[in-house]
Amino acid sequence: MTIQIEVEPELERRVSLEAESRGLSVAAYVREVLAEKTESTTRDGVLQDNEIARAHAELMQRIEEKRKRPRPSIEEFLDAMAYHGPIPEEMKTQKISREFIYGEHP
């Protein structure tokens, strides 16, 4: 495939100097740069298997840490609301459910 593009004189000069310093023709140098750029775009644009595994491990660790946090009791929650004191950070996201109010009963 043949591609023709217009570039500024300064860019043309830099490309020529870089190609010469590598012992390549301008065309060979530009082919090399294009090949590197398209390869890195494919690699960086899509999560690789090891990146997916690392992201999954980090997510599972965050979930496990959240599960280990002590749950506030209903008394703590009601006291905080009754006295209009600052609501503890872990209570701000607490869903008020039947289990939260009555606890877990077999």
Protein backbone atom coordinates (compact mmCIF):
# COMPACT_ATOMS: atom_id res chain seq x y z
CA MET A 1 0.00 0.00 0.00
CA THR A 2 1.24 3.47 -0.80
CA ILE A 3 0.36 6.43 1.38
CA GLN A 4 1.17 10.03 0.60
CA ILE A 5 0.90 12.67 3.30
CA GLU A 6 1.90 16.30 3.57
CA VAL A 7 3.95 17.21 6.63
CA GLU A 8 5.46 20.43 7.90
CA PRO A 9 9.10 21.05 6.95
CA GLU A 10 10.22 20.75 10.58
CA LEU A 11 8.59 17.33 10.98
CA GLU A 12 10.08 16.21 7.68
CA ARG A 13 13.52 17.27 8.90
CA ARG A 14 13.15 15.42 12.23
CA VAL A 15 11.92 12.25 10.52
CA SER A 16 14.77 12.38 8.04
CA LEU A 17 17.36 12.88 10.79
CA GLU A 18 15.92 10.04 12.88
CA ALA A 19 15.83 7.67 9.90
CA GLU A 20 19.41 8.58 9.00
CA SER A 21 20.59 8.05 12.59
CA ARG A 22 19.11 4.53 12.49
CA GLY A 23 20.57 3.78 9.09
CA LEU A 24 17.15 3.49 7.46
CA SER A 25 15.43 5.14 4.56
CA VAL A 26 12.64 7.53 5.47
CA ALA A 27 10.07 5.04 4.12
CA ALA A 28 11.52 2.16 6.19
CA TYR A 29 11.63 4.31 9.32
CA VAL A 30 8.01 5.47 8.88
CA ARG A 31 6.90 1.82 8.33
CA GLU A 32 8.67 0.86 11.57
CA VAL A 33 7.04 3.69 13.51
CA LEU A 34 3.58 2.84 12.15
CA ALA A 35 4.03 -0.85 13.00
CA GLU A 36 5.09 0.00 16.57
CA LYS A 37 2.21 2.44 17.05
CA THR A 38 -0.48 0.10 15.79
CA GLU A 39 0.90 -2.78 17.87
CA SER A 40 0.95 -0.72 21.06
CA THR A 41 -2.56 0.62 20.36
CA THR A 42 -3.88 -2.93 20.05
CA ARG A 43 -2.03 -3.98 23.17
CA ASP A 44 -3.02 -0.90 25.22
CA GLY A 45 -6.54 -0.58 23.85
CA VAL A 46 -7.60 -4.02 25.07
CA LEU A 47 -7.07 -5.53 28.50
CA GLN A 48 -4.70 -8.44 28.33
CA ASP A 49 -5.37 -11.65 30.30
CA ASN A 50 -2.85 -10.76 33.03
CA GLU A 51 -4.37 -7.26 33.39
CA ILE A 52 -7.86 -8.75 33.71
CA ALA A 53 -6.61 -11.18 36.36
CA ARG A 54 -4.90 -8.36 38.29
CA ALA A 55 -8.02 -6.15 38.13
CA HIS A 56 -10.17 -9.08 39.29
CA ALA A 57 -7.82 -9.82 42.20
CA GLU A 58 -7.87 -6.16 43.29
CA LEU A 59 -11.65 -6.06 43.13
CA MET A 60 -12.00 -9.28 45.14
CA GLN A 61 -9.58 -7.92 47.76
CA ARG A 62 -11.63 -4.71 48.09
CA ILE A 63 -14.84 -6.73 48.45
CA GLU A 64 -13.27 -8.94 51.13
CA GLU A 65 -12.00 -5.89 53.05
CA LYS A 66 -15.47 -4.38 52.96
CA ARG A 67 -17.00 -7.62 54.27
CA LYS A 68 -14.56 -7.66 57.20
CA ARG A 69 -15.60 -4.21 58.43
CA PRO A 70 -17.74 -4.37 61.54
CA ARG A 71 -21.37 -3.60 60.85
CA PRO A 72 -22.87 -0.85 62.99
CA SER A 73 -25.64 -1.93 65.32
CA ILE A 74 -29.15 -0.56 65.04
CA GLU A 75 -28.63 1.12 68.42
CA GLU A 76 -25.60 3.03 67.10
CA PHE A 77 -27.55 4.08 64.05
CA LEU A 78 -30.61 5.25 66.00
CA ASP A 79 -28.46 7.05 68.59
CA ALA A 80 -26.65 8.92 65.84
CA MET A 81 -29.95 9.94 64.28
CA ALA A 82 -31.62 10.84 67.60
CA TYR A 83 -28.84 13.13 68.75
CA HIS A 84 -28.23 14.65 65.33
CA GLY A 85 -24.59 13.89 65.84
CA PRO A 86 -22.29 13.10 63.00
CA ILE A 87 -23.29 9.89 61.32
CA PRO A 88 -20.32 7.52 61.17
CA GLU A 89 -18.95 7.07 57.65
CA GLU A 90 -19.80 3.36 57.50
CA MET A 91 -23.43 4.17 58.33
CA LYS A 92 -23.88 6.65 55.51
CA THR A 93 -24.07 3.88 52.95
CA GLN A 94 -25.87 1.36 55.17
CA LYS A 95 -29.13 0.15 53.68
CA ILE A 96 -31.88 -0.07 56.23
CA SER A 97 -33.29 -3.51 55.73
CA ARG A 98 -35.20 -5.99 57.85
CA GLU A 99 -31.93 -7.81 58.58
CA PHE A 100 -30.30 -4.55 59.67
CA ILE A 101 -33.10 -3.75 62.11
CA TYR A 102 -33.81 -7.23 63.49
CA GLY A 103 -30.51 -8.96 62.83
CA GLU A 104 -30.19 -12.36 61.30
CA HIS A 105 -32.54 -14.90 62.84
CA PRO A 106 -32.50 -18.54 61.84
